[in-house]
Amino acid sequence: MFVSFEGIDGCGKSTQIEMFTKYLQSKGIEFVKVREPGGTKLGEKIRQLLISEEMTSRSELLLFLASRAQLVEEVIKPALEEGKIVVADRFAHSSVAYQGCGRNLGIDVVKMLNDFATDHVYPDLVFYIDIPAEVAISRINKEQRDRIEQEGLEFFEKVRNCYLELCKNEKNFVLIDGTKDVETISKQIIRIFEGLYKV
């Protein structure tokens, strides 16, 4: 089973992934945790470029896709074939929201390129943790913001609205209220997961 966590920066995604993987460990469920961009030797080099170098929107998208393609072939496909759970900190839907909507490159273009990059490998379950854009910006440490995290309120509102549309239209998406306390969110995520994966 392939599970991904999505949301705008500062939504609490990393905390929930940590709690979810601890839960999997406690149940003795084998899993592989990956992050985007990154997760492979090539992907980590691409990650450094993406967070530090100025670039055009199209270049940004293509670098994300290159990292994703490598991750699918090197890590995700082998793990799924071995019957492991794959837990992803972001995946293809991030590009739809951030580059397709946030950067105005177009949802359809990004979806088509995602199909190519992922070889049509997509999560069975996507937890989208939703928080207002202004809350997200207030949570991101000003001194430690990377290139994308430095974007303003308008950008993050476009990204959030795109995610909300995906929640309406994609059957594998689950909308999680990220303004609730971390324990409540974690219990909700585990309950939904257990309903689909017979623990």
N, C-alpha and C. Protein backbone atom coordinates (compact mmCIF):
# COMPACT_ATOMS: atom_id res chain seq x y z
N MET A 1 0.84 -1.19 0.00
CA MET A 1 0.00 0.00 0.00
C MET A 1 0.88 1.25 0.00
N PHE A 2 0.48 2.22 -0.75
CA PHE A 2 1.24 3.47 -0.92
C PHE A 2 0.42 4.61 -0.31
N VAL A 3 0.99 5.24 0.72
CA VAL A 3 0.32 6.32 1.44
C VAL A 3 1.15 7.59 1.33
N SER A 4 0.54 8.69 0.93
CA SER A 4 1.29 9.96 0.89
C SER A 4 0.61 11.00 1.77
N PHE A 5 1.42 11.93 2.25
CA PHE A 5 0.94 13.04 3.07
C PHE A 5 1.20 14.33 2.29
N GLU A 6 0.16 15.14 2.16
CA GLU A 6 0.25 16.38 1.41
C GLU A 6 -0.23 17.55 2.26
N GLY A 7 0.16 18.76 1.83
CA GLY A 7 -0.29 19.96 2.52
C GLY A 7 0.66 21.11 2.24
N ILE A 8 0.20 22.31 2.48
CA ILE A 8 1.09 23.45 2.29
C ILE A 8 2.13 23.46 3.40
N ASP A 9 3.24 24.14 3.16
CA ASP A 9 4.32 24.19 4.14
C ASP A 9 3.78 24.69 5.48
N GLY A 10 4.21 24.04 6.56
CA GLY A 10 3.78 24.46 7.89
C GLY A 10 2.50 23.81 8.37
N CYS A 11 1.97 22.84 7.61
CA CYS A 11 0.67 22.24 7.98
C CYS A 11 0.78 21.19 9.08
N GLY A 12 1.99 20.77 9.43
CA GLY A 12 2.17 19.74 10.45
C GLY A 12 2.35 18.35 9.88
N LYS A 13 2.61 18.29 8.60
CA LYS A 13 2.77 17.03 7.87
C LYS A 13 3.89 16.16 8.45
N SER A 14 5.04 16.76 8.69
CA SER A 14 6.20 15.99 9.19
C SER A 14 5.90 15.35 10.53
N THR A 15 5.24 16.08 11.40
CA THR A 15 4.86 15.55 12.72
C THR A 15 3.95 14.34 12.58
N GLN A 16 2.96 14.45 11.68
CA GLN A 16 2.01 13.35 11.49
C GLN A 16 2.66 12.13 10.85
N ILE A 17 3.60 12.37 9.95
CA ILE A 17 4.32 11.24 9.33
C ILE A 17 5.13 10.50 10.40
N GLU A 18 5.77 11.25 11.28
CA GLU A 18 6.56 10.65 12.36
C GLU A 18 5.66 9.81 13.27
N MET A 19 4.49 10.34 13.62
CA MET A 19 3.56 9.62 14.49
C MET A 19 2.99 8.38 13.78
N PHE A 20 2.73 8.52 12.48
CA PHE A 20 2.17 7.40 11.71
C PHE A 20 3.19 6.27 11.56
N THR A 21 4.45 6.62 11.30
CA THR A 21 5.47 5.57 11.14
C THR A 21 5.77 4.90 12.48
N LYS A 22 5.65 5.63 13.58
CA LYS A 22 5.82 5.01 14.91
C LYS A 22 4.69 4.00 15.16
N TYR A 23 3.50 4.36 14.72
CA TYR A 23 2.35 3.45 14.82
C TYR A 23 2.62 2.18 14.01
N LEU A 24 3.10 2.33 12.76
CA LEU A 24 3.40 1.17 11.92
C LEU A 24 4.44 0.27 12.59
N GLN A 25 5.46 0.90 13.18
CA GLN A 25 6.50 0.13 13.89
C GLN A 25 5.89 -0.66 15.04
N SER A 26 5.01 -0.01 15.79
CA SER A 26 4.39 -0.66 16.95
C SER A 26 3.55 -1.86 16.55
N LYS A 27 3.04 -1.85 15.33
CA LYS A 27 2.22 -2.97 14.82
C LYS A 27 3.06 -4.01 14.07
N GLY A 28 4.35 -3.74 13.95
CA GLY A 28 5.22 -4.66 13.23
C GLY A 28 4.98 -4.67 11.73
N ILE A 29 4.47 -3.55 11.20
CA ILE A 29 4.19 -3.43 9.77
C ILE A 29 5.44 -2.89 9.07
N GLU A 30 5.92 -3.61 8.09
CA GLU A 30 7.11 -3.16 7.36
C GLU A 30 6.77 -1.98 6.45
N PHE A 31 7.61 -0.97 6.49
CA PHE A 31 7.35 0.22 5.67
C PHE A 31 8.66 0.84 5.21
N VAL A 32 8.53 1.67 4.19
CA VAL A 32 9.64 2.49 3.70
C VAL A 32 9.15 3.92 3.67
N LYS A 33 9.92 4.81 4.29
CA LYS A 33 9.54 6.23 4.30
C LYS A 33 10.39 6.98 3.28
N VAL A 34 9.73 7.78 2.45
CA VAL A 34 10.45 8.56 1.44
C VAL A 34 10.01 10.02 1.51
N ARG A 35 10.86 10.89 0.97
CA ARG A 35 10.49 12.30 0.93
C ARG A 35 10.73 12.85 -0.47
N GLU A 36 9.97 13.90 -0.76
CA GLU A 36 10.11 14.56 -2.06
C GLU A 36 10.39 16.04 -1.88
N PRO A 37 11.29 16.59 -2.70
CA PRO A 37 12.22 15.85 -3.56
C PRO A 37 13.28 15.18 -2.70
N GLY A 38 13.87 14.12 -3.22
CA GLY A 38 14.91 13.41 -2.49
C GLY A 38 14.66 11.92 -2.48
N GLY A 39 15.20 11.25 -1.47
CA GLY A 39 14.97 9.83 -1.28
C GLY A 39 15.91 8.91 -2.05
N THR A 40 16.70 9.47 -2.96
CA THR A 40 17.73 8.72 -3.68
C THR A 40 18.97 9.62 -3.74
N LYS A 41 20.08 9.05 -4.16
CA LYS A 41 21.32 9.85 -4.26
C LYS A 41 21.11 11.01 -5.24
N LEU A 42 20.53 10.71 -6.40
CA LEU A 42 20.25 11.76 -7.38
C LEU A 42 19.21 12.75 -6.85
N GLY A 43 18.16 12.20 -6.24
CA GLY A 43 17.08 13.05 -5.72
C GLY A 43 17.55 14.05 -4.68
N GLU A 44 18.48 13.64 -3.82
CA GLU A 44 18.98 14.55 -2.78
C GLU A 44 19.81 15.68 -3.39
N LYS A 45 20.53 15.38 -4.46
CA LYS A 45 21.28 16.44 -5.16
C LYS A 45 20.31 17.43 -5.81
N ILE A 46 19.25 16.89 -6.40
CA ILE A 46 18.22 17.76 -7.01
C ILE A 46 17.55 18.61 -5.93
N ARG A 47 17.31 18.02 -4.76
CA ARG A 47 16.68 18.75 -3.66
C ARG A 47 17.49 20.00 -3.29
N GLN A 48 18.80 19.84 -3.22
CA GLN A 48 19.65 20.98 -2.87
C GLN A 48 19.55 22.10 -3.91
N LEU A 49 19.47 21.72 -5.18
CA LEU A 49 19.28 22.73 -6.24
C LEU A 49 17.94 23.44 -6.07
N LEU A 50 16.88 22.66 -5.81
CA LEU A 50 15.54 23.21 -5.74
C LEU A 50 15.35 24.19 -4.58
N ILE A 51 15.99 23.91 -3.46
CA ILE A 51 15.76 24.80 -2.31
C ILE A 51 16.71 26.00 -2.28
N SER A 52 17.76 25.97 -3.11
CA SER A 52 18.75 27.05 -3.01
C SER A 52 18.91 27.91 -4.26
N GLU A 53 18.68 27.35 -5.45
CA GLU A 53 18.98 28.08 -6.69
C GLU A 53 17.75 28.76 -7.27
N GLU A 54 17.95 29.97 -7.77
CA GLU A 54 16.87 30.65 -8.50
C GLU A 54 16.69 29.96 -9.85
N MET A 55 15.44 29.79 -10.28
CA MET A 55 15.18 29.10 -11.54
C MET A 55 13.79 29.45 -12.05
N THR A 56 13.54 29.15 -13.31
CA THR A 56 12.21 29.40 -13.87
C THR A 56 11.23 28.35 -13.34
N SER A 57 9.95 28.63 -13.46
CA SER A 57 8.91 27.71 -12.99
C SER A 57 8.97 26.37 -13.72
N ARG A 58 9.26 26.41 -15.03
CA ARG A 58 9.32 25.17 -15.80
C ARG A 58 10.52 24.33 -15.36
N SER A 59 11.65 24.99 -15.12
CA SER A 59 12.83 24.26 -14.63
C SER A 59 12.53 23.61 -13.28
N GLU A 60 11.86 24.35 -12.42
CA GLU A 60 11.50 23.83 -11.10
C GLU A 60 10.66 22.56 -11.23
N LEU A 61 9.63 22.61 -12.05
CA LEU A 61 8.77 21.45 -12.26
C LEU A 61 9.56 20.26 -12.78
N LEU A 62 10.39 20.49 -13.79
CA LEU A 62 11.13 19.39 -14.41
C LEU A 62 12.12 18.75 -13.44
N LEU A 63 12.70 19.54 -12.56
CA LEU A 63 13.60 18.97 -11.55
C LEU A 63 12.83 18.11 -10.54
N PHE A 64 11.67 18.59 -10.11
CA PHE A 64 10.82 17.77 -9.23
C PHE A 64 10.47 16.44 -9.90
N LEU A 65 10.13 16.50 -11.17
CA LEU A 65 9.75 15.30 -11.91
C LEU A 65 10.92 14.32 -12.06
N ALA A 66 12.12 14.86 -12.28
CA ALA A 66 13.30 14.00 -12.39
C ALA A 66 13.57 13.27 -11.08
N SER A 67 13.47 14.00 -9.98
CA SER A 67 13.66 13.39 -8.66
C SER A 67 12.61 12.31 -8.42
N ARG A 68 11.36 12.61 -8.80
CA ARG A 68 10.23 11.68 -8.60
C ARG A 68 10.42 10.40 -9.42
N ALA A 69 10.84 10.55 -10.67
CA ALA A 69 11.04 9.38 -11.54
C ALA A 69 12.09 8.44 -10.95
N GLN A 70 13.15 9.01 -10.44
CA GLN A 70 14.22 8.20 -9.84
C GLN A 70 13.71 7.49 -8.58
N LEU A 71 12.94 8.20 -7.77
CA LEU A 71 12.40 7.64 -6.53
C LEU A 71 11.47 6.46 -6.80
N VAL A 72 10.63 6.60 -7.81
CA VAL A 72 9.69 5.53 -8.16
C VAL A 72 10.45 4.26 -8.55
N GLU A 73 11.43 4.40 -9.42
CA GLU A 73 12.14 3.23 -9.92
C GLU A 73 13.07 2.61 -8.88
N GLU A 74 13.74 3.47 -8.12
CA GLU A 74 14.76 2.99 -7.20
C GLU A 74 14.21 2.49 -5.87
N VAL A 75 13.13 3.13 -5.41
CA VAL A 75 12.66 2.84 -4.04
C VAL A 75 11.20 2.37 -3.99
N ILE A 76 10.30 3.13 -4.61
CA ILE A 76 8.86 2.86 -4.41
C ILE A 76 8.42 1.54 -5.05
N LYS A 77 8.74 1.35 -6.31
CA LYS A 77 8.33 0.09 -6.97
C LYS A 77 8.89 -1.15 -6.25
N PRO A 78 10.20 -1.18 -5.93
CA PRO A 78 10.73 -2.36 -5.23
C PRO A 78 10.05 -2.60 -3.87
N ALA A 79 9.78 -1.52 -3.12
CA ALA A 79 9.15 -1.67 -1.81
C ALA A 79 7.74 -2.23 -1.93
N LEU A 80 6.97 -1.73 -2.89
CA LEU A 80 5.61 -2.23 -3.09
C LEU A 80 5.62 -3.69 -3.54
N GLU A 81 6.58 -4.03 -4.37
CA GLU A 81 6.70 -5.43 -4.84
C GLU A 81 7.03 -6.38 -3.69
N GLU A 82 7.72 -5.85 -2.67
CA GLU A 82 8.06 -6.65 -1.49
C GLU A 82 6.94 -6.67 -0.45
N GLY A 83 5.82 -6.01 -0.78
CA GLY A 83 4.67 -6.00 0.12
C GLY A 83 4.78 -5.02 1.28
N LYS A 84 5.67 -4.05 1.16
CA LYS A 84 5.84 -3.06 2.22
C LYS A 84 4.89 -1.88 2.01
N ILE A 85 4.63 -1.16 3.11
CA ILE A 85 3.89 0.09 3.02
C ILE A 85 4.89 1.18 2.62
N VAL A 86 4.55 1.98 1.65
CA VAL A 86 5.37 3.15 1.31
C VAL A 86 4.70 4.37 1.89
N VAL A 87 5.43 5.13 2.70
CA VAL A 87 4.92 6.38 3.30
C VAL A 87 5.72 7.53 2.69
N ALA A 88 5.02 8.39 1.96
CA ALA A 88 5.70 9.48 1.25
C ALA A 88 5.38 10.84 1.85
N ASP A 89 6.42 11.60 2.12
CA ASP A 89 6.30 13.00 2.52
C ASP A 89 6.27 13.79 1.22
N ARG A 90 5.07 13.98 0.70
CA ARG A 90 4.78 14.59 -0.60
C ARG A 90 4.98 13.58 -1.73
N PHE A 91 4.18 13.78 -2.78
CA PHE A 91 4.39 13.01 -4.01
C PHE A 91 3.85 13.85 -5.16
N ALA A 92 3.32 13.19 -6.19
CA ALA A 92 2.96 13.87 -7.44
C ALA A 92 1.96 15.01 -7.26
N HIS A 93 1.06 14.88 -6.29
CA HIS A 93 0.03 15.92 -6.11
C HIS A 93 0.63 17.26 -5.67
N SER A 94 1.81 17.22 -5.06
CA SER A 94 2.48 18.47 -4.70
C SER A 94 2.78 19.30 -5.93
N SER A 95 3.20 18.63 -7.01
CA SER A 95 3.50 19.37 -8.25
C SER A 95 2.25 19.95 -8.88
N VAL A 96 1.14 19.22 -8.78
CA VAL A 96 -0.13 19.75 -9.30
C VAL A 96 -0.48 21.05 -8.56
N ALA A 97 -0.35 21.02 -7.23
CA ALA A 97 -0.73 22.18 -6.42
C ALA A 97 0.29 23.32 -6.50
N TYR A 98 1.58 22.99 -6.33
CA TYR A 98 2.61 24.03 -6.26
C TYR A 98 2.99 24.59 -7.63
N GLN A 99 3.25 23.69 -8.59
CA GLN A 99 3.67 24.19 -9.91
C GLN A 99 2.46 24.41 -10.83
N GLY A 100 1.51 23.48 -10.80
CA GLY A 100 0.33 23.62 -11.65
C GLY A 100 -0.49 24.85 -11.32
N CYS A 101 -0.76 25.04 -10.02
CA CYS A 101 -1.58 26.19 -9.57
C CYS A 101 -0.74 27.35 -9.05
N GLY A 102 0.14 27.05 -8.10
CA GLY A 102 0.96 28.11 -7.50
C GLY A 102 1.80 28.86 -8.52
N ARG A 103 2.40 28.12 -9.44
CA ARG A 103 3.26 28.73 -10.48
C ARG A 103 2.50 28.97 -11.80
N ASN A 104 1.22 28.63 -11.82
CA ASN A 104 0.37 28.88 -13.01
C ASN A 104 0.82 28.12 -14.26
N LEU A 105 1.41 26.93 -14.08
CA LEU A 105 1.84 26.15 -15.24
C LEU A 105 0.69 25.32 -15.83
N GLY A 106 -0.38 25.17 -15.07
CA GLY A 106 -1.55 24.44 -15.56
C GLY A 106 -1.64 23.04 -15.01
N ILE A 107 -2.80 22.69 -14.47
CA ILE A 107 -3.01 21.38 -13.85
C ILE A 107 -2.85 20.26 -14.86
N ASP A 108 -3.44 20.40 -16.04
CA ASP A 108 -3.43 19.32 -17.03
C ASP A 108 -2.01 18.99 -17.50
N VAL A 109 -1.20 20.02 -17.70
CA VAL A 109 0.20 19.81 -18.12
C VAL A 109 0.95 19.03 -17.05
N VAL A 110 0.77 19.45 -15.79
CA VAL A 110 1.50 18.80 -14.69
C VAL A 110 1.03 17.35 -14.53
N LYS A 111 -0.27 17.12 -14.64
CA LYS A 111 -0.78 15.75 -14.51
C LYS A 111 -0.21 14.84 -15.60
N MET A 112 -0.14 15.34 -16.82
CA MET A 112 0.40 14.55 -17.92
C MET A 112 1.87 14.20 -17.67
N LEU A 113 2.65 15.19 -17.22
CA LEU A 113 4.07 14.97 -16.95
C LEU A 113 4.26 14.05 -15.73
N ASN A 114 3.36 14.16 -14.75
CA ASN A 114 3.40 13.24 -13.60
C ASN A 114 3.20 11.80 -14.04
N ASP A 115 2.26 11.57 -14.95
CA ASP A 115 2.00 10.22 -15.45
C ASP A 115 3.28 9.62 -16.03
N PHE A 116 4.01 10.45 -16.77
CA PHE A 116 5.27 10.00 -17.39
C PHE A 116 6.33 9.73 -16.32
N ALA A 117 6.49 10.68 -15.38
CA ALA A 117 7.54 10.56 -14.37
C ALA A 117 7.31 9.40 -13.40
N THR A 118 6.06 9.16 -13.05
CA THR A 118 5.75 8.13 -12.05
C THR A 118 5.50 6.76 -12.67
N ASP A 119 5.43 6.71 -14.00
CA ASP A 119 5.03 5.47 -14.69
C ASP A 119 3.67 5.00 -14.18
N HIS A 120 2.81 5.98 -13.91
CA HIS A 120 1.43 5.77 -13.42
C HIS A 120 1.39 5.09 -12.05
N VAL A 121 2.44 5.21 -11.27
CA VAL A 121 2.43 4.73 -9.88
C VAL A 121 1.98 5.89 -8.99
N TYR A 122 0.82 5.72 -8.35
CA TYR A 122 0.25 6.78 -7.51
C TYR A 122 -0.18 6.21 -6.15
N PRO A 123 -0.27 7.07 -5.13
CA PRO A 123 -0.70 6.59 -3.80
C PRO A 123 -2.12 6.01 -3.81
N ASP A 124 -2.31 4.98 -2.97
CA ASP A 124 -3.65 4.43 -2.74
C ASP A 124 -4.44 5.35 -1.82
N LEU A 125 -3.71 6.08 -0.98
CA LEU A 125 -4.33 6.92 0.04
C LEU A 125 -3.50 8.19 0.20
N VAL A 126 -4.17 9.34 0.12
CA VAL A 126 -3.50 10.64 0.28
C VAL A 126 -4.14 11.38 1.44
N PHE A 127 -3.35 11.64 2.49
CA PHE A 127 -3.83 12.45 3.60
C PHE A 127 -3.45 13.90 3.32
N TYR A 128 -4.46 14.73 3.05
CA TYR A 128 -4.20 16.16 2.84
C TYR A 128 -4.51 16.89 4.14
N ILE A 129 -3.48 17.46 4.76
CA ILE A 129 -3.64 18.18 6.03
C ILE A 129 -3.84 19.65 5.72
N ASP A 130 -5.03 20.14 6.00
CA ASP A 130 -5.43 21.48 5.57
C ASP A 130 -5.34 22.50 6.71
N ILE A 131 -4.66 23.61 6.41
CA ILE A 131 -4.65 24.76 7.32
C ILE A 131 -4.74 26.04 6.46
N PRO A 132 -5.28 27.12 7.03
CA PRO A 132 -5.31 28.38 6.28
C PRO A 132 -3.90 28.84 5.94
N ALA A 133 -3.77 29.51 4.79
CA ALA A 133 -2.45 29.95 4.32
C ALA A 133 -1.75 30.87 5.31
N GLU A 134 -2.52 31.75 5.94
CA GLU A 134 -1.89 32.70 6.89
C GLU A 134 -1.33 31.96 8.12
N VAL A 135 -2.00 30.87 8.52
CA VAL A 135 -1.49 30.06 9.64
C VAL A 135 -0.20 29.37 9.22
N ALA A 136 -0.17 28.86 7.99
CA ALA A 136 1.03 28.20 7.48
C ALA A 136 2.22 29.14 7.50
N ILE A 137 2.03 30.35 7.00
CA ILE A 137 3.13 31.32 6.94
C ILE A 137 3.63 31.67 8.34
N SER A 138 2.71 31.77 9.29
CA SER A 138 3.10 32.12 10.66
C SER A 138 3.90 31.00 11.33
N ARG A 139 3.71 29.77 10.85
CA ARG A 139 4.40 28.62 11.45
C ARG A 139 5.81 28.40 10.90
N ILE A 140 6.06 28.89 9.69
CA ILE A 140 7.36 28.63 9.06
C ILE A 140 8.41 29.58 9.65
N ASN A 141 9.48 29.01 10.15
CA ASN A 141 10.56 29.80 10.74
C ASN A 141 11.16 30.74 9.69
N LYS A 142 11.06 32.04 9.96
CA LYS A 142 11.51 33.04 8.97
C LYS A 142 12.98 32.90 8.60
N GLU A 143 13.81 32.52 9.57
CA GLU A 143 15.25 32.43 9.31
C GLU A 143 15.61 31.17 8.50
N GLN A 144 14.76 30.15 8.58
CA GLN A 144 15.13 28.87 7.96
C GLN A 144 14.30 28.56 6.71
N ARG A 145 13.59 29.53 6.18
CA ARG A 145 12.76 29.29 5.01
C ARG A 145 13.61 29.01 3.78
N ASP A 146 13.22 27.96 3.02
CA ASP A 146 13.91 27.71 1.76
C ASP A 146 13.27 28.58 0.66
N ARG A 147 13.74 28.40 -0.56
CA ARG A 147 13.31 29.27 -1.67
C ARG A 147 11.78 29.25 -1.86
N ILE A 148 11.16 28.09 -1.79
CA ILE A 148 9.72 27.99 -2.02
C ILE A 148 8.93 28.48 -0.80
N GLU A 149 9.45 28.21 0.39
CA GLU A 149 8.77 28.64 1.62
C GLU A 149 8.74 30.16 1.76
N GLN A 150 9.60 30.86 1.01
CA GLN A 150 9.64 32.32 1.09
C GLN A 150 8.53 33.01 0.29
N GLU A 151 7.73 32.21 -0.43
CA GLU A 151 6.62 32.78 -1.20
C GLU A 151 5.61 33.43 -0.26
N GLY A 152 4.80 34.33 -0.82
CA GLY A 152 3.85 35.09 -0.01
C GLY A 152 2.49 34.42 0.13
N LEU A 153 1.57 35.15 0.78
CA LEU A 153 0.24 34.66 1.09
C LEU A 153 -0.54 34.27 -0.16
N GLU A 154 -0.48 35.08 -1.20
CA GLU A 154 -1.24 34.81 -2.43
C GLU A 154 -0.84 33.46 -3.03
N PHE A 155 0.46 33.18 -3.06
CA PHE A 155 0.96 31.91 -3.60
C PHE A 155 0.40 30.74 -2.81
N PHE A 156 0.50 30.80 -1.49
CA PHE A 156 0.05 29.68 -0.67
C PHE A 156 -1.47 29.51 -0.70
N GLU A 157 -2.19 30.58 -0.88
CA GLU A 157 -3.65 30.47 -1.02
C GLU A 157 -4.01 29.74 -2.31
N LYS A 158 -3.28 30.03 -3.39
CA LYS A 158 -3.52 29.33 -4.66
C LYS A 158 -3.23 27.83 -4.51
N VAL A 159 -2.13 27.53 -3.84
CA VAL A 159 -1.74 26.13 -3.63
C VAL A 159 -2.80 25.42 -2.79
N ARG A 160 -3.24 26.08 -1.70
CA ARG A 160 -4.25 25.47 -0.83
C ARG A 160 -5.56 25.22 -1.58
N ASN A 161 -6.00 26.21 -2.34
CA ASN A 161 -7.26 26.06 -3.09
C ASN A 161 -7.17 24.90 -4.09
N CYS A 162 -6.01 24.71 -4.65
CA CYS A 162 -5.80 23.60 -5.58
C CYS A 162 -5.92 22.26 -4.86
N TYR A 163 -5.31 22.17 -3.69
CA TYR A 163 -5.43 20.95 -2.89
C TYR A 163 -6.89 20.66 -2.53
N LEU A 164 -7.63 21.70 -2.19
CA LEU A 164 -9.04 21.52 -1.82
C LEU A 164 -9.86 21.01 -3.00
N GLU A 165 -9.51 21.46 -4.21
CA GLU A 165 -10.17 20.96 -5.41
C GLU A 165 -9.83 19.48 -5.64
N LEU A 166 -8.57 19.13 -5.40
CA LEU A 166 -8.16 17.73 -5.52
C LEU A 166 -8.94 16.85 -4.55
N CYS A 167 -9.16 17.37 -3.35
CA CYS A 167 -9.94 16.62 -2.35
C CYS A 167 -11.35 16.31 -2.85
N LYS A 168 -11.92 17.24 -3.59
CA LYS A 168 -13.28 17.04 -4.12
C LYS A 168 -13.30 16.05 -5.27
N ASN A 169 -12.23 16.03 -6.05
CA ASN A 169 -12.24 15.28 -7.32
C ASN A 169 -11.47 13.97 -7.33
N GLU A 170 -10.60 13.76 -6.34
CA GLU A 170 -9.77 12.55 -6.34
C GLU A 170 -10.28 11.61 -5.24
N LYS A 171 -10.64 10.40 -5.62
CA LYS A 171 -11.27 9.49 -4.66
C LYS A 171 -10.31 8.97 -3.58
N ASN A 172 -9.00 9.06 -3.83
CA ASN A 172 -8.04 8.56 -2.83
C ASN A 172 -7.62 9.64 -1.83
N PHE A 173 -8.16 10.86 -1.96
CA PHE A 173 -7.82 11.96 -1.07
C PHE A 173 -8.68 11.96 0.19
N VAL A 174 -8.06 12.22 1.34
CA VAL A 174 -8.78 12.38 2.60
C VAL A 174 -8.41 13.75 3.17
N LEU A 175 -9.41 14.57 3.43
CA LEU A 175 -9.19 15.91 3.97
C LEU A 175 -9.10 15.83 5.50
N ILE A 176 -8.00 16.32 6.03
CA ILE A 176 -7.75 16.32 7.48
C ILE A 176 -7.66 17.78 7.95
N ASP A 177 -8.39 18.11 9.01
CA ASP A 177 -8.35 19.46 9.57
C ASP A 177 -7.06 19.63 10.37
N GLY A 178 -6.11 20.37 9.79
CA GLY A 178 -4.80 20.54 10.41
C GLY A 178 -4.77 21.52 11.57
N THR A 179 -5.91 22.17 11.87
CA THR A 179 -5.95 23.10 13.00
C THR A 179 -6.25 22.39 14.32
N LYS A 180 -6.63 21.11 14.25
CA LYS A 180 -6.88 20.34 15.47
C LYS A 180 -5.55 19.96 16.13
N ASP A 181 -5.62 19.46 17.38
CA ASP A 181 -4.38 19.11 18.06
C ASP A 181 -3.78 17.85 17.43
N VAL A 182 -2.47 17.70 17.59
CA VAL A 182 -1.73 16.65 16.87
C VAL A 182 -2.22 15.25 17.20
N GLU A 183 -2.61 15.01 18.45
CA GLU A 183 -3.08 13.67 18.85
C GLU A 183 -4.40 13.32 18.16
N THR A 184 -5.30 14.29 18.09
CA THR A 184 -6.60 14.07 17.43
C THR A 184 -6.39 13.76 15.96
N ILE A 185 -5.51 14.52 15.31
CA ILE A 185 -5.22 14.30 13.89
C ILE A 185 -4.62 12.92 13.68
N SER A 186 -3.66 12.55 14.53
CA SER A 186 -2.98 11.26 14.40
C SER A 186 -3.98 10.10 14.54
N LYS A 187 -4.87 10.19 15.51
CA LYS A 187 -5.87 9.13 15.72
C LYS A 187 -6.79 9.00 14.51
N GLN A 188 -7.16 10.14 13.93
CA GLN A 188 -8.02 10.12 12.74
C GLN A 188 -7.31 9.43 11.57
N ILE A 189 -6.04 9.77 11.36
CA ILE A 189 -5.25 9.18 10.27
C ILE A 189 -5.13 7.67 10.45
N ILE A 190 -4.83 7.24 11.66
CA ILE A 190 -4.68 5.80 11.94
C ILE A 190 -6.00 5.07 11.74
N ARG A 191 -7.09 5.68 12.20
CA ARG A 191 -8.42 5.05 12.06
C ARG A 191 -8.76 4.85 10.57
N ILE A 192 -8.50 5.85 9.76
CA ILE A 192 -8.79 5.76 8.32
C ILE A 192 -7.89 4.70 7.67
N PHE A 193 -6.63 4.71 8.05
CA PHE A 193 -5.69 3.72 7.50
C PHE A 193 -6.14 2.31 7.85
N GLU A 194 -6.52 2.08 9.11
CA GLU A 194 -6.92 0.75 9.56
C GLU A 194 -8.19 0.28 8.85
N GLY A 195 -9.01 1.23 8.44
CA GLY A 195 -10.23 0.87 7.70
C GLY A 195 -9.93 0.31 6.31
N LEU A 196 -8.76 0.67 5.79
CA LEU A 196 -8.39 0.23 4.43
C LEU A 196 -7.37 -0.89 4.46
N TYR A 197 -6.50 -0.87 5.45
CA TYR A 197 -5.44 -1.86 5.56
C TYR A 197 -5.74 -2.72 6.77
N LYS A 198 -5.99 -3.98 6.56
CA LYS A 198 -6.39 -4.84 7.68
C LYS A 198 -5.19 -5.19 8.54
N VAL A 199 -5.08 -4.47 9.64
CA VAL A 199 -3.94 -4.62 10.56
C VAL A 199 -4.07 -5.91 11.35
